[in-house]
Amino acid sequence: MKKLCVALSLLIISALGSIAFTNNKTGGIIGKITPVDAASTVSLVAAKDTLSTQINQGVFTFTNLKEGVYTVVIKANAPYKDTTVERVAVKDSATTDLGEIKLQQ
């Protein structure tokens, strides 16, 4: 009986260890805003969480995102209008490229 308990304990510890050290696959979202100076911030919304990133020469990048569906919110500078891109999917460890997003006046 004692050997059985030891064997089961080792099996449980081994299983928990393999789960704890499994790599979490994360993806990202990238895009380019034109005109380059048209936007002030880009935010990413998922449920109740919001994440913002910097814009560099019109390009924005979000990394280390869990698989899921996100909304990208672009806060524009006057005279341009704010823009929202809904249902942006991030799958497995892939990066979703939104391409060029032209802001309207």
Protein backbone atom coordinates (compact mmCIF):
# COMPACT_ATOMS: atom_id res chain seq x y z
CA MET A 1 0.00 0.00 0.00
CA LYS A 2 2.85 2.37 0.85
CA LYS A 3 4.46 1.75 -2.57
CA LEU A 4 1.16 2.51 -4.28
CA CYS A 5 0.82 5.83 -2.44
CA VAL A 6 4.39 6.79 -3.34
CA ALA A 7 3.84 5.83 -6.99
CA LEU A 8 0.60 7.83 -7.18
CA SER A 9 2.24 10.83 -5.50
CA LEU A 10 5.09 10.78 -8.01
CA LEU A 11 2.62 10.49 -10.89
CA ILE A 12 0.63 13.48 -9.63
CA ILE A 13 3.75 15.58 -9.08
CA SER A 14 5.00 14.68 -12.55
CA ALA A 15 1.67 15.63 -14.16
CA LEU A 16 1.50 18.95 -12.30
CA GLY A 17 5.10 19.74 -13.22
CA SER A 18 4.44 19.19 -16.92
CA ILE A 19 1.40 21.47 -16.80
CA ALA A 20 3.22 24.20 -14.88
CA PHE A 21 6.08 24.36 -17.38
CA THR A 22 3.99 24.24 -20.55
CA ASN A 23 4.72 27.22 -22.79
CA ASN A 24 1.85 29.64 -23.04
CA LYS A 25 1.42 30.47 -26.69
CA THR A 26 0.94 34.17 -27.24
CA GLY A 27 0.33 36.18 -30.37
CA GLY A 28 0.15 39.81 -31.37
CA ILE A 29 -1.55 42.51 -33.42
CA ILE A 30 0.22 44.97 -35.71
CA GLY A 31 -0.97 47.72 -38.03
CA LYS A 32 -0.09 51.01 -39.67
CA ILE A 33 -2.10 54.21 -39.40
CA THR A 34 -2.12 56.76 -42.20
CA PRO A 35 -1.57 59.65 -42.29
CA VAL A 36 1.35 58.98 -39.94
CA ASP A 37 0.53 61.87 -37.58
CA ALA A 38 -3.27 61.30 -37.57
CA ALA A 39 -3.50 59.29 -34.33
CA SER A 40 -2.47 59.98 -30.75
CA THR A 41 -3.09 56.56 -29.12
CA VAL A 42 -4.03 53.00 -29.95
CA SER A 43 -5.75 50.83 -27.35
CA LEU A 44 -6.73 47.19 -27.26
CA VAL A 45 -9.89 46.12 -25.47
CA ALA A 46 -10.75 42.58 -24.37
CA ALA A 47 -13.74 42.18 -22.05
CA LYS A 48 -12.96 44.57 -19.16
CA ASP A 49 -9.23 44.89 -19.86
CA THR A 50 -7.63 47.71 -21.85
CA LEU A 51 -4.03 47.90 -23.07
CA SER A 52 -2.41 50.85 -24.85
CA THR A 53 0.72 51.04 -26.97
CA GLN A 54 2.84 53.72 -28.55
CA ILE A 55 2.65 54.68 -32.21
CA ASN A 56 5.98 54.97 -34.02
CA GLN A 57 5.87 56.51 -37.52
CA GLY A 58 2.23 55.37 -37.75
CA VAL A 59 3.03 51.76 -36.78
CA PHE A 60 1.63 50.11 -33.66
CA THR A 61 2.34 46.68 -32.18
CA PHE A 62 0.74 44.65 -29.40
CA THR A 63 2.67 41.56 -28.28
CA ASN A 64 2.26 38.73 -25.77
CA LEU A 65 -1.49 38.50 -26.31
CA LYS A 66 -3.47 35.44 -25.33
CA GLU A 67 -5.59 33.77 -27.98
CA GLY A 68 -8.90 35.58 -28.25
CA VAL A 69 -10.93 38.30 -29.94
CA TYR A 70 -10.02 41.95 -29.39
CA THR A 71 -11.22 45.43 -30.31
CA VAL A 72 -8.65 47.99 -31.49
CA VAL A 73 -9.54 51.61 -30.66
CA ILE A 74 -7.63 54.39 -32.43
CA LYS A 75 -7.85 57.86 -30.87
CA ALA A 76 -7.33 60.36 -33.69
CA ASN A 77 -5.89 63.85 -33.70
CA ALA A 78 -8.11 66.64 -35.11
CA PRO A 79 -9.33 66.89 -37.85
CA TYR A 80 -9.35 63.07 -38.15
CA LYS A 81 -12.05 60.82 -36.69
CA ASP A 82 -11.55 58.11 -34.08
CA THR A 83 -11.69 54.59 -35.53
CA THR A 84 -12.59 51.20 -34.04
CA VAL A 85 -11.65 47.84 -35.54
CA GLU A 86 -13.81 45.13 -33.98
CA ARG A 87 -13.45 41.36 -33.78
CA VAL A 88 -9.69 41.16 -34.33
CA ALA A 89 -8.77 37.51 -33.73
CA VAL A 90 -5.46 36.38 -32.29
CA LYS A 91 -4.90 32.65 -32.73
CA ASP A 92 -2.28 30.42 -31.17
CA SER A 93 1.10 32.15 -31.47
CA ALA A 94 0.38 34.10 -34.67
CA THR A 95 0.53 37.86 -35.21
CA THR A 96 -2.54 39.39 -36.83
CA ASP A 97 -1.63 42.14 -39.31
CA LEU A 98 -4.36 44.76 -39.73
CA GLY A 99 -2.46 46.34 -42.60
CA GLU A 100 -2.97 50.02 -43.35
CA ILE A 101 -5.74 51.82 -41.51
CA LYS A 102 -6.60 55.12 -43.20
CA LEU A 103 -8.18 57.63 -40.84
CA GLN A 104 -10.93 59.80 -42.27
CA GLN A 105 -11.43 63.52 -41.71
